[in-house]
Amino acid sequence: MLKAIIFDIGNVLVPFDFKRAYARLEPLCGLPTVEIRSRLRATGIVQRFETGQMDERRFVQEFSKALDFNFSFEQFCDLWSCIFLSRPLIPETLLSLLAKRYPMLLLSNTNSIHMAMLRSNYPLFRYFDHAVLSHEVGAAKPSPEIYREAIRRAGCDAGECFYTDDIEMYVDAARQLGIQAVQFQSAEQIESELHARGAL
């Protein structure tokens, strides 16, 4: 029997495409995408930002330094958040129905800039009772720590939680802790999985 429903955010609730950000970065800093990726990967700043090891202002400063371009904070936030597409992947009708029956949780590797934009622009986030976010927990998937925090906030046993994520490695990590986890493919698939578990 399920007692809590947990969703990843990116490419589960809301689609995203990092190519949109790279397309805007290239003409600004005069670097090809492959060089931008290489420079950012070498610094490790994205991982540090997403696990709460630096605040927003410092992240923007270090990002600017890595690409030799002086972004204003507002300019950067707009660019950094352009990766998200407007149409959600899960219909609000399904989320609304689930929210009437179960505690609803978010479980995501993300950061404060993205979350501020998402909460301001996607009404579907009102259906969630808790948000277990890497930058607040200080740990990112597939670390067991972030899943344990989600289980704790769900207020039930791991086996009573249903979780979906688009990344197979993260689904496997959840299963290792006993969570009923499935890799996301479509809203119809998730609805079918929930039906099979008697949740709908």
N, C-alpha and C. Protein backbone atom coordinates (compact mmCIF):
# COMPACT_ATOMS: atom_id res chain seq x y z
N MET A 1 0.83 -1.19 0.00
CA MET A 1 0.00 0.00 0.00
C MET A 1 0.88 1.25 0.00
N LEU A 2 0.56 2.18 -0.88
CA LEU A 2 1.32 3.43 -0.94
C LEU A 2 0.81 4.43 0.08
N LYS A 3 1.75 5.19 0.63
CA LYS A 3 1.38 6.25 1.58
C LYS A 3 1.97 7.60 1.21
N ALA A 4 2.84 7.65 0.18
CA ALA A 4 3.43 8.92 -0.26
C ALA A 4 3.86 8.80 -1.71
N ILE A 5 3.76 9.91 -2.44
CA ILE A 5 4.15 9.97 -3.85
C ILE A 5 5.29 10.99 -3.99
N ILE A 6 6.36 10.58 -4.65
CA ILE A 6 7.55 11.44 -4.79
C ILE A 6 7.90 11.58 -6.27
N PHE A 7 8.06 12.83 -6.70
CA PHE A 7 8.42 13.12 -8.09
C PHE A 7 9.76 13.84 -8.18
N ASP A 8 10.58 13.43 -9.15
CA ASP A 8 11.68 14.27 -9.59
C ASP A 8 11.08 15.47 -10.32
N ILE A 9 11.89 16.50 -10.58
CA ILE A 9 11.37 17.69 -11.27
C ILE A 9 11.75 17.69 -12.75
N GLY A 10 13.04 17.83 -13.04
CA GLY A 10 13.48 17.99 -14.42
C GLY A 10 13.24 16.79 -15.30
N ASN A 11 12.55 17.02 -16.42
CA ASN A 11 12.19 15.98 -17.39
C ASN A 11 11.28 14.90 -16.81
N VAL A 12 10.63 15.25 -15.70
CA VAL A 12 9.54 14.43 -15.15
C VAL A 12 8.31 15.31 -15.00
N LEU A 13 8.42 16.35 -14.19
CA LEU A 13 7.33 17.32 -14.08
C LEU A 13 7.46 18.40 -15.16
N VAL A 14 8.68 18.93 -15.30
CA VAL A 14 8.92 20.03 -16.23
C VAL A 14 10.07 19.66 -17.16
N PRO A 15 9.85 19.73 -18.49
CA PRO A 15 10.94 19.40 -19.41
C PRO A 15 12.01 20.50 -19.43
N PHE A 16 13.24 20.09 -19.68
CA PHE A 16 14.30 21.09 -19.83
C PHE A 16 15.30 20.64 -20.88
N ASP A 17 16.04 21.62 -21.39
CA ASP A 17 17.04 21.37 -22.43
C ASP A 17 18.17 22.36 -22.25
N PHE A 18 19.33 21.88 -21.80
CA PHE A 18 20.48 22.76 -21.54
C PHE A 18 21.01 23.40 -22.82
N LYS A 19 20.67 22.84 -23.97
CA LYS A 19 21.12 23.45 -25.23
C LYS A 19 20.59 24.86 -25.39
N ARG A 20 19.44 25.13 -24.78
CA ARG A 20 18.87 26.48 -24.86
C ARG A 20 19.78 27.51 -24.18
N ALA A 21 20.36 27.12 -23.06
CA ALA A 21 21.28 28.02 -22.35
C ALA A 21 22.60 28.16 -23.11
N TYR A 22 23.12 27.05 -23.63
CA TYR A 22 24.37 27.12 -24.38
C TYR A 22 24.22 28.01 -25.63
N ALA A 23 23.05 27.94 -26.27
CA ALA A 23 22.82 28.75 -27.46
C ALA A 23 22.86 30.25 -27.14
N ARG A 24 22.46 30.61 -25.93
CA ARG A 24 22.52 32.01 -25.52
C ARG A 24 23.90 32.40 -24.99
N LEU A 25 24.60 31.42 -24.43
CA LEU A 25 25.94 31.70 -23.90
C LEU A 25 26.98 31.90 -25.01
N GLU A 26 26.89 31.11 -26.05
CA GLU A 26 27.92 31.15 -27.10
C GLU A 26 28.20 32.55 -27.64
N PRO A 27 27.17 33.30 -28.09
CA PRO A 27 27.46 34.64 -28.63
C PRO A 27 27.90 35.65 -27.57
N LEU A 28 27.54 35.41 -26.31
CA LEU A 28 27.93 36.34 -25.25
C LEU A 28 29.41 36.22 -24.90
N CYS A 29 29.85 35.00 -24.70
CA CYS A 29 31.23 34.81 -24.26
C CYS A 29 32.18 34.41 -25.38
N GLY A 30 31.63 34.21 -26.60
CA GLY A 30 32.48 33.90 -27.75
C GLY A 30 33.14 32.54 -27.68
N LEU A 31 32.50 31.61 -26.99
CA LEU A 31 33.05 30.26 -26.86
C LEU A 31 32.05 29.24 -27.40
N PRO A 32 32.54 28.16 -28.03
CA PRO A 32 31.63 27.10 -28.47
C PRO A 32 31.12 26.31 -27.27
N THR A 33 30.03 25.63 -27.46
CA THR A 33 29.41 24.86 -26.38
C THR A 33 30.37 23.87 -25.74
N VAL A 34 31.16 23.19 -26.56
CA VAL A 34 32.08 22.19 -26.01
C VAL A 34 33.09 22.84 -25.06
N GLU A 35 33.53 24.05 -25.36
CA GLU A 35 34.48 24.75 -24.50
C GLU A 35 33.79 25.24 -23.22
N ILE A 36 32.55 25.71 -23.36
CA ILE A 36 31.80 26.15 -22.18
C ILE A 36 31.64 24.99 -21.20
N ARG A 37 31.22 23.84 -21.73
CA ARG A 37 31.04 22.65 -20.89
C ARG A 37 32.35 22.26 -20.22
N SER A 38 33.42 22.28 -20.98
CA SER A 38 34.73 21.88 -20.45
C SER A 38 35.17 22.79 -19.32
N ARG A 39 35.02 24.09 -19.51
CA ARG A 39 35.45 25.05 -18.48
C ARG A 39 34.62 24.91 -17.21
N LEU A 40 33.32 24.76 -17.37
CA LEU A 40 32.45 24.63 -16.20
C LEU A 40 32.70 23.32 -15.46
N ARG A 41 32.91 22.24 -16.22
CA ARG A 41 33.17 20.95 -15.61
C ARG A 41 34.47 20.99 -14.80
N ALA A 42 35.47 21.70 -15.30
CA ALA A 42 36.76 21.79 -14.62
C ALA A 42 36.66 22.50 -13.28
N THR A 43 35.72 23.42 -13.14
CA THR A 43 35.58 24.17 -11.89
C THR A 43 34.78 23.43 -10.84
N GLY A 44 33.85 22.56 -11.27
CA GLY A 44 32.97 21.86 -10.32
C GLY A 44 31.95 22.76 -9.66
N ILE A 45 31.76 23.97 -10.19
CA ILE A 45 30.89 24.93 -9.49
C ILE A 45 29.42 24.54 -9.52
N VAL A 46 28.98 23.89 -10.59
CA VAL A 46 27.56 23.51 -10.67
C VAL A 46 27.23 22.51 -9.57
N GLN A 47 28.07 21.50 -9.42
CA GLN A 47 27.87 20.50 -8.37
C GLN A 47 27.91 21.15 -6.99
N ARG A 48 28.85 22.07 -6.79
CA ARG A 48 28.94 22.74 -5.48
C ARG A 48 27.72 23.62 -5.22
N PHE A 49 27.22 24.27 -6.25
CA PHE A 49 26.03 25.11 -6.11
C PHE A 49 24.81 24.25 -5.80
N GLU A 50 24.71 23.12 -6.46
CA GLU A 50 23.54 22.26 -6.29
C GLU A 50 23.58 21.45 -4.99
N THR A 51 24.69 21.49 -4.29
CA THR A 51 24.73 20.83 -2.97
C THR A 51 24.92 21.86 -1.85
N GLY A 52 24.59 23.11 -2.15
CA GLY A 52 24.55 24.14 -1.12
C GLY A 52 25.89 24.61 -0.60
N GLN A 53 26.96 24.41 -1.38
CA GLN A 53 28.29 24.80 -0.91
C GLN A 53 28.66 26.23 -1.28
N MET A 54 27.79 26.90 -2.03
CA MET A 54 28.01 28.33 -2.32
C MET A 54 26.66 28.99 -2.55
N ASP A 55 26.60 30.29 -2.29
CA ASP A 55 25.34 31.01 -2.48
C ASP A 55 25.23 31.49 -3.93
N GLU A 56 24.09 32.09 -4.25
CA GLU A 56 23.80 32.48 -5.63
C GLU A 56 24.81 33.49 -6.17
N ARG A 57 25.12 34.52 -5.39
CA ARG A 57 26.02 35.57 -5.86
C ARG A 57 27.41 35.02 -6.16
N ARG A 58 27.90 34.18 -5.28
CA ARG A 58 29.22 33.61 -5.51
C ARG A 58 29.21 32.70 -6.74
N PHE A 59 28.13 31.96 -6.91
CA PHE A 59 28.03 31.09 -8.08
C PHE A 59 28.11 31.90 -9.37
N VAL A 60 27.37 33.00 -9.43
CA VAL A 60 27.38 33.84 -10.63
C VAL A 60 28.77 34.42 -10.85
N GLN A 61 29.43 34.83 -9.78
CA GLN A 61 30.78 35.37 -9.90
C GLN A 61 31.75 34.34 -10.46
N GLU A 62 31.69 33.11 -9.94
CA GLU A 62 32.61 32.07 -10.39
C GLU A 62 32.26 31.60 -11.80
N PHE A 63 30.98 31.59 -12.13
CA PHE A 63 30.54 31.24 -13.48
C PHE A 63 31.09 32.26 -14.47
N SER A 64 30.96 33.54 -14.12
CA SER A 64 31.47 34.62 -14.97
C SER A 64 32.97 34.49 -15.17
N LYS A 65 33.68 34.21 -14.10
CA LYS A 65 35.14 34.07 -14.17
C LYS A 65 35.54 32.91 -15.07
N ALA A 66 34.83 31.79 -14.98
CA ALA A 66 35.16 30.61 -15.78
C ALA A 66 35.01 30.87 -17.27
N LEU A 67 34.04 31.72 -17.63
CA LEU A 67 33.77 31.98 -19.05
C LEU A 67 34.30 33.33 -19.51
N ASP A 68 35.01 34.04 -18.63
CA ASP A 68 35.59 35.34 -18.98
C ASP A 68 34.54 36.32 -19.50
N PHE A 69 33.39 36.32 -18.84
CA PHE A 69 32.32 37.25 -19.21
C PHE A 69 31.63 37.72 -17.95
N ASN A 70 31.42 39.02 -17.84
CA ASN A 70 30.85 39.58 -16.61
C ASN A 70 29.33 39.64 -16.69
N PHE A 71 28.67 38.61 -16.20
CA PHE A 71 27.21 38.59 -16.17
C PHE A 71 26.70 39.43 -15.01
N SER A 72 25.62 40.19 -15.23
CA SER A 72 24.91 40.77 -14.10
C SER A 72 24.09 39.64 -13.46
N PHE A 73 23.72 39.81 -12.21
CA PHE A 73 22.98 38.75 -11.53
C PHE A 73 21.65 38.48 -12.22
N GLU A 74 20.93 39.56 -12.59
CA GLU A 74 19.62 39.41 -13.22
C GLU A 74 19.75 38.76 -14.60
N GLN A 75 20.76 39.19 -15.36
CA GLN A 75 21.00 38.61 -16.68
C GLN A 75 21.30 37.12 -16.57
N PHE A 76 22.10 36.78 -15.58
CA PHE A 76 22.47 35.38 -15.43
C PHE A 76 21.26 34.53 -15.04
N CYS A 77 20.47 35.00 -14.10
CA CYS A 77 19.31 34.21 -13.65
C CYS A 77 18.36 33.94 -14.81
N ASP A 78 18.15 34.93 -15.67
CA ASP A 78 17.28 34.75 -16.83
C ASP A 78 17.87 33.71 -17.77
N LEU A 79 19.16 33.80 -18.03
CA LEU A 79 19.81 32.86 -18.92
C LEU A 79 19.84 31.46 -18.32
N TRP A 80 20.18 31.36 -17.05
CA TRP A 80 20.32 30.07 -16.36
C TRP A 80 19.00 29.31 -16.30
N SER A 81 17.89 30.05 -16.33
CA SER A 81 16.57 29.42 -16.20
C SER A 81 15.86 29.23 -17.52
N CYS A 82 16.48 29.65 -18.63
CA CYS A 82 15.81 29.52 -19.93
C CYS A 82 15.76 28.07 -20.41
N ILE A 83 16.40 27.17 -19.67
CA ILE A 83 16.44 25.75 -20.07
C ILE A 83 15.08 25.07 -19.97
N PHE A 84 14.18 25.63 -19.16
CA PHE A 84 12.89 24.97 -18.92
C PHE A 84 11.87 25.33 -19.99
N LEU A 85 11.15 24.32 -20.46
CA LEU A 85 10.11 24.52 -21.46
C LEU A 85 8.78 24.77 -20.77
N SER A 86 7.87 25.38 -21.49
CA SER A 86 6.65 25.89 -20.84
C SER A 86 5.63 24.82 -20.48
N ARG A 87 5.54 23.76 -21.27
CA ARG A 87 4.46 22.79 -21.06
C ARG A 87 4.91 21.65 -20.14
N PRO A 88 4.28 21.49 -18.97
CA PRO A 88 4.63 20.40 -18.05
C PRO A 88 4.39 19.03 -18.68
N LEU A 89 5.07 18.03 -18.14
CA LEU A 89 4.95 16.67 -18.64
C LEU A 89 3.86 15.87 -17.93
N ILE A 90 3.54 16.27 -16.70
CA ILE A 90 2.49 15.60 -15.93
C ILE A 90 1.28 16.54 -15.84
N PRO A 91 0.10 16.10 -16.23
CA PRO A 91 -1.07 16.98 -16.17
C PRO A 91 -1.47 17.32 -14.74
N GLU A 92 -1.92 18.53 -14.56
CA GLU A 92 -2.34 18.96 -13.22
C GLU A 92 -3.52 18.14 -12.71
N THR A 93 -4.33 17.61 -13.62
CA THR A 93 -5.47 16.80 -13.17
C THR A 93 -4.99 15.57 -12.39
N LEU A 94 -3.90 14.96 -12.84
CA LEU A 94 -3.36 13.80 -12.14
C LEU A 94 -2.74 14.22 -10.81
N LEU A 95 -1.99 15.30 -10.82
CA LEU A 95 -1.37 15.77 -9.58
C LEU A 95 -2.42 16.16 -8.55
N SER A 96 -3.47 16.81 -9.00
CA SER A 96 -4.55 17.22 -8.10
C SER A 96 -5.22 16.01 -7.46
N LEU A 97 -5.46 14.99 -8.25
CA LEU A 97 -6.08 13.77 -7.73
C LEU A 97 -5.19 13.10 -6.71
N LEU A 98 -3.91 12.99 -7.01
CA LEU A 98 -2.97 12.36 -6.08
C LEU A 98 -2.84 13.16 -4.80
N ALA A 99 -2.82 14.49 -4.93
CA ALA A 99 -2.63 15.36 -3.76
C ALA A 99 -3.79 15.26 -2.78
N LYS A 100 -4.95 14.84 -3.25
CA LYS A 100 -6.10 14.67 -2.36
C LYS A 100 -6.00 13.39 -1.53
N ARG A 101 -5.11 12.48 -1.96
CA ARG A 101 -5.04 11.17 -1.33
C ARG A 101 -3.73 10.90 -0.60
N TYR A 102 -2.67 11.57 -1.02
CA TYR A 102 -1.34 11.25 -0.49
C TYR A 102 -0.52 12.51 -0.20
N PRO A 103 0.42 12.41 0.73
CA PRO A 103 1.45 13.45 0.81
C PRO A 103 2.25 13.43 -0.50
N MET A 104 2.54 14.61 -1.02
CA MET A 104 3.26 14.73 -2.28
C MET A 104 4.60 15.40 -2.03
N LEU A 105 5.67 14.81 -2.57
CA LEU A 105 7.01 15.33 -2.34
C LEU A 105 7.76 15.52 -3.65
N LEU A 106 8.62 16.53 -3.68
CA LEU A 106 9.59 16.72 -4.74
C LEU A 106 10.93 16.18 -4.25
N LEU A 107 11.68 15.55 -5.14
CA LEU A 107 13.03 15.07 -4.82
C LEU A 107 13.90 15.38 -6.03
N SER A 108 14.79 16.39 -5.88
CA SER A 108 15.49 16.88 -7.06
C SER A 108 16.89 17.36 -6.76
N ASN A 109 17.80 17.10 -7.71
CA ASN A 109 19.09 17.78 -7.73
C ASN A 109 18.88 19.11 -8.44
N THR A 110 18.94 20.19 -7.69
CA THR A 110 18.62 21.49 -8.26
C THR A 110 19.30 22.59 -7.46
N ASN A 111 18.90 23.82 -7.72
CA ASN A 111 19.52 24.97 -7.06
C ASN A 111 18.48 26.05 -6.81
N SER A 112 18.84 27.02 -6.02
CA SER A 112 17.89 28.05 -5.59
C SER A 112 17.41 28.94 -6.73
N ILE A 113 18.26 29.20 -7.71
CA ILE A 113 17.85 30.05 -8.84
C ILE A 113 16.78 29.34 -9.67
N HIS A 114 17.01 28.08 -9.98
CA HIS A 114 16.01 27.34 -10.75
C HIS A 114 14.72 27.18 -9.97
N MET A 115 14.80 26.89 -8.68
CA MET A 115 13.58 26.68 -7.91
C MET A 115 12.75 27.94 -7.80
N ALA A 116 13.38 29.09 -7.67
CA ALA A 116 12.63 30.35 -7.60
C ALA A 116 11.85 30.57 -8.89
N MET A 117 12.48 30.31 -10.03
CA MET A 117 11.81 30.48 -11.31
C MET A 117 10.69 29.46 -11.48
N LEU A 118 10.95 28.21 -11.14
CA LEU A 118 9.95 27.16 -11.30
C LEU A 118 8.70 27.44 -10.46
N ARG A 119 8.91 27.80 -9.22
CA ARG A 119 7.77 28.05 -8.34
C ARG A 119 6.96 29.27 -8.79
N SER A 120 7.61 30.22 -9.44
CA SER A 120 6.92 31.42 -9.90
C SER A 120 6.14 31.18 -11.19
N ASN A 121 6.56 30.19 -11.98
CA ASN A 121 6.00 30.04 -13.32
C ASN A 121 5.20 28.77 -13.57
N TYR A 122 5.24 27.83 -12.66
CA TYR A 122 4.54 26.56 -12.87
C TYR A 122 3.58 26.31 -11.71
N PRO A 123 2.28 26.52 -11.92
CA PRO A 123 1.30 26.34 -10.85
C PRO A 123 1.26 24.93 -10.26
N LEU A 124 1.76 23.94 -10.98
CA LEU A 124 1.69 22.56 -10.50
C LEU A 124 2.43 22.35 -9.18
N PHE A 125 3.36 23.24 -8.83
CA PHE A 125 4.12 23.06 -7.59
C PHE A 125 3.25 23.25 -6.34
N ARG A 126 2.07 23.80 -6.50
CA ARG A 126 1.20 23.99 -5.34
C ARG A 126 0.65 22.65 -4.82
N TYR A 127 0.78 21.60 -5.58
CA TYR A 127 0.26 20.30 -5.15
C TYR A 127 1.23 19.54 -4.24
N PHE A 128 2.41 20.09 -4.03
CA PHE A 128 3.43 19.36 -3.27
C PHE A 128 3.56 19.89 -1.84
N ASP A 129 3.60 18.94 -0.91
CA ASP A 129 3.68 19.28 0.51
C ASP A 129 5.11 19.53 0.97
N HIS A 130 6.05 18.81 0.38
CA HIS A 130 7.45 18.91 0.79
C HIS A 130 8.35 18.94 -0.43
N ALA A 131 9.49 19.62 -0.30
CA ALA A 131 10.49 19.66 -1.36
C ALA A 131 11.83 19.25 -0.76
N VAL A 132 12.34 18.12 -1.22
CA VAL A 132 13.64 17.62 -0.77
C VAL A 132 14.62 17.94 -1.89
N LEU A 133 15.39 19.01 -1.71
CA LEU A 133 16.21 19.59 -2.77
C LEU A 133 17.68 19.51 -2.40
N SER A 134 18.49 19.14 -3.37
CA SER A 134 19.91 18.89 -3.11
C SER A 134 20.61 20.08 -2.47
N HIS A 135 20.29 21.29 -2.92
CA HIS A 135 21.01 22.46 -2.39
C HIS A 135 20.60 22.77 -0.96
N GLU A 136 19.45 22.26 -0.52
CA GLU A 136 19.03 22.46 0.87
C GLU A 136 19.48 21.31 1.77
N VAL A 137 19.48 20.11 1.22
CA VAL A 137 19.87 18.92 1.99
C VAL A 137 21.38 18.84 2.13
N GLY A 138 22.11 19.36 1.12
CA GLY A 138 23.56 19.25 1.13
C GLY A 138 24.05 17.93 0.57
N ALA A 139 23.20 17.24 -0.16
CA ALA A 139 23.55 15.97 -0.79
C ALA A 139 22.72 15.84 -2.06
N ALA A 140 23.30 15.19 -3.07
CA ALA A 140 22.63 15.05 -4.35
C ALA A 140 22.46 13.57 -4.70
N LYS A 141 21.41 13.27 -5.44
CA LYS A 141 21.23 11.92 -5.97
C LYS A 141 22.45 11.55 -6.80
N PRO A 142 22.94 10.33 -6.70
CA PRO A 142 22.34 9.15 -6.07
C PRO A 142 22.78 8.90 -4.62
N SER A 143 23.22 9.91 -3.90
CA SER A 143 23.61 9.71 -2.50
C SER A 143 22.42 9.24 -1.67
N PRO A 144 22.58 8.19 -0.87
CA PRO A 144 21.47 7.70 -0.04
C PRO A 144 20.91 8.77 0.89
N GLU A 145 21.73 9.73 1.27
CA GLU A 145 21.30 10.74 2.24
C GLU A 145 20.08 11.51 1.79
N ILE A 146 20.02 11.87 0.52
CA ILE A 146 18.90 12.67 0.05
C ILE A 146 17.61 11.84 -0.03
N TYR A 147 17.75 10.55 -0.34
CA TYR A 147 16.57 9.67 -0.36
C TYR A 147 16.06 9.43 1.06
N ARG A 148 16.97 9.27 1.99
CA ARG A 148 16.56 9.06 3.38
C ARG A 148 15.81 10.27 3.91
N GLU A 149 16.23 11.46 3.48
CA GLU A 149 15.52 12.67 3.90
C GLU A 149 14.11 12.69 3.32
N ALA A 150 13.96 12.23 2.09
CA ALA A 150 12.63 12.16 1.48
C ALA A 150 11.74 11.17 2.21
N ILE A 151 12.30 10.03 2.57
CA ILE A 151 11.53 9.03 3.33
C ILE A 151 11.11 9.60 4.68
N ARG A 152 12.03 10.30 5.33
CA ARG A 152 11.72 10.90 6.63
C ARG A 152 10.57 11.89 6.52
N ARG A 153 10.62 12.73 5.50
CA ARG A 153 9.56 13.74 5.34
C ARG A 153 8.25 13.12 4.89
N ALA A 154 8.33 12.00 4.20
CA ALA A 154 7.10 11.31 3.79
C ALA A 154 6.36 10.75 5.00
N GLY A 155 7.11 10.45 6.06
CA GLY A 155 6.49 9.97 7.29
C GLY A 155 6.00 8.54 7.22
N CYS A 156 6.64 7.73 6.38
CA CYS A 156 6.23 6.33 6.26
C CYS A 156 7.46 5.50 5.92
N ASP A 157 7.27 4.21 5.77
CA ASP A 157 8.38 3.34 5.40
C ASP A 157 8.76 3.54 3.94
N ALA A 158 10.01 3.21 3.61
CA ALA A 158 10.49 3.36 2.23
C ALA A 158 9.61 2.60 1.24
N GLY A 159 9.20 1.40 1.60
CA GLY A 159 8.39 0.58 0.71
C GLY A 159 6.99 1.09 0.48
N GLU A 160 6.60 2.11 1.25
CA GLU A 160 5.28 2.72 1.09
C GLU A 160 5.35 3.99 0.25
N CYS A 161 6.55 4.30 -0.29
CA CYS A 161 6.75 5.48 -1.13
C CYS A 161 6.85 5.06 -2.60
N PHE A 162 6.19 5.81 -3.46
CA PHE A 162 6.34 5.65 -4.91
C PHE A 162 7.15 6.83 -5.43
N TYR A 163 8.16 6.53 -6.25
CA TYR A 163 9.05 7.58 -6.76
C TYR A 163 9.31 7.37 -8.24
N THR A 164 9.33 8.48 -9.00
CA THR A 164 9.69 8.39 -10.41
C THR A 164 10.73 9.44 -10.75
N ASP A 165 11.70 9.02 -11.57
CA ASP A 165 12.81 9.86 -11.99
C ASP A 165 13.17 9.45 -13.42
N ASP A 166 13.64 10.38 -14.23
CA ASP A 166 13.98 10.04 -15.60
C ASP A 166 15.35 9.37 -15.74
N ILE A 167 16.19 9.45 -14.69
CA ILE A 167 17.55 8.91 -14.77
C ILE A 167 17.62 7.55 -14.07
N GLU A 168 18.00 6.55 -14.83
CA GLU A 168 17.99 5.16 -14.34
C GLU A 168 18.85 4.99 -13.08
N MET A 169 20.01 5.64 -13.04
CA MET A 169 20.90 5.53 -11.88
C MET A 169 20.21 6.00 -10.61
N TYR A 170 19.42 7.05 -10.71
CA TYR A 170 18.73 7.59 -9.54
C TYR A 170 17.57 6.70 -9.12
N VAL A 171 16.93 6.07 -10.08
CA VAL A 171 15.86 5.10 -9.78
C VAL A 171 16.46 3.90 -9.06
N ASP A 172 17.58 3.41 -9.55
CA ASP A 172 18.23 2.26 -8.92
C ASP A 172 18.64 2.57 -7.48
N ALA A 173 19.15 3.78 -7.25
CA ALA A 173 19.57 4.17 -5.90
C ALA A 173 18.38 4.19 -4.95
N ALA A 174 17.22 4.64 -5.44
CA ALA A 174 16.01 4.64 -4.62
C ALA A 174 15.55 3.22 -4.30
N ARG A 175 15.62 2.35 -5.29
CA ARG A 175 15.22 0.96 -5.08
C ARG A 175 16.09 0.26 -4.04
N GLN A 176 17.37 0.61 -4.03
CA GLN A 176 18.28 -0.01 -3.07
C GLN A 176 17.90 0.30 -1.63
N LEU A 177 17.16 1.40 -1.43
CA LEU A 177 16.68 1.75 -0.10
C LEU A 177 15.27 1.24 0.16
N GLY A 178 14.71 0.51 -0.81
CA GLY A 178 13.39 -0.09 -0.62
C GLY A 178 12.23 0.71 -1.18
N ILE A 179 12.51 1.85 -1.80
CA ILE A 179 11.45 2.68 -2.39
C ILE A 179 10.91 2.02 -3.66
N GLN A 180 9.61 2.11 -3.88
CA GLN A 180 9.01 1.63 -5.12
C GLN A 180 9.29 2.68 -6.20
N ALA A 181 10.34 2.49 -6.96
CA ALA A 181 10.79 3.50 -7.93
C ALA A 181 10.71 2.98 -9.35
N VAL A 182 10.29 3.85 -10.28
CA VAL A 182 10.23 3.51 -11.70
C VAL A 182 10.85 4.65 -12.51
N GLN A 183 11.47 4.28 -13.62
CA GLN A 183 12.04 5.29 -14.49
C GLN A 183 10.94 5.94 -15.32
N PHE A 184 10.92 7.25 -15.33
CA PHE A 184 9.87 8.00 -16.02
C PHE A 184 10.02 7.89 -17.53
N GLN A 185 8.90 7.62 -18.19
CA GLN A 185 8.84 7.61 -19.66
C GLN A 185 7.76 8.54 -20.17
N SER A 186 6.61 8.54 -19.48
CA SER A 186 5.50 9.39 -19.90
C SER A 186 4.50 9.50 -18.77
N ALA A 187 3.62 10.48 -18.86
CA ALA A 187 2.57 10.63 -17.86
C ALA A 187 1.65 9.43 -17.86
N GLU A 188 1.36 8.89 -19.05
CA GLU A 188 0.48 7.73 -19.17
C GLU A 188 1.09 6.52 -18.47
N GLN A 189 2.41 6.35 -18.63
CA GLN A 189 3.10 5.24 -17.97
C GLN A 189 3.01 5.36 -16.45
N ILE A 190 3.22 6.57 -15.93
CA ILE A 190 3.17 6.78 -14.48
C ILE A 190 1.76 6.55 -13.95
N GLU A 191 0.78 6.99 -14.69
CA GLU A 191 -0.61 6.76 -14.29
C GLU A 191 -0.89 5.26 -14.25
N SER A 192 -0.37 4.52 -15.22
CA SER A 192 -0.56 3.06 -15.27
C SER A 192 0.14 2.40 -14.07
N GLU A 193 1.35 2.86 -13.74
CA GLU A 193 2.09 2.32 -12.59
C GLU A 193 1.32 2.55 -11.30
N LEU A 194 0.74 3.72 -11.17
CA LEU A 194 -0.02 4.05 -9.96
C LEU A 194 -1.32 3.25 -9.89
N HIS A 195 -1.97 3.06 -11.03
CA HIS A 195 -3.16 2.21 -11.07
C HIS A 195 -2.82 0.80 -10.60
N ALA A 196 -1.71 0.28 -11.09
CA ALA A 196 -1.31 -1.09 -10.75
C ALA A 196 -1.06 -1.24 -9.26
N ARG A 197 -0.72 -0.16 -8.59
CA ARG A 197 -0.45 -0.18 -7.15
C ARG A 197 -1.67 0.23 -6.33
N GLY A 198 -2.80 0.40 -7.00
CA GLY A 198 -4.04 0.75 -6.30
C GLY A 198 -4.11 2.18 -5.81
N ALA A 199 -3.26 3.04 -6.41
CA ALA A 199 -3.22 4.43 -5.94
C ALA A 199 -4.26 5.32 -6.60
N LEU A 200 -4.86 4.85 -7.69
CA LEU A 200 -5.86 5.67 -8.41
C LEU A 200 -7.13 4.86 -8.58
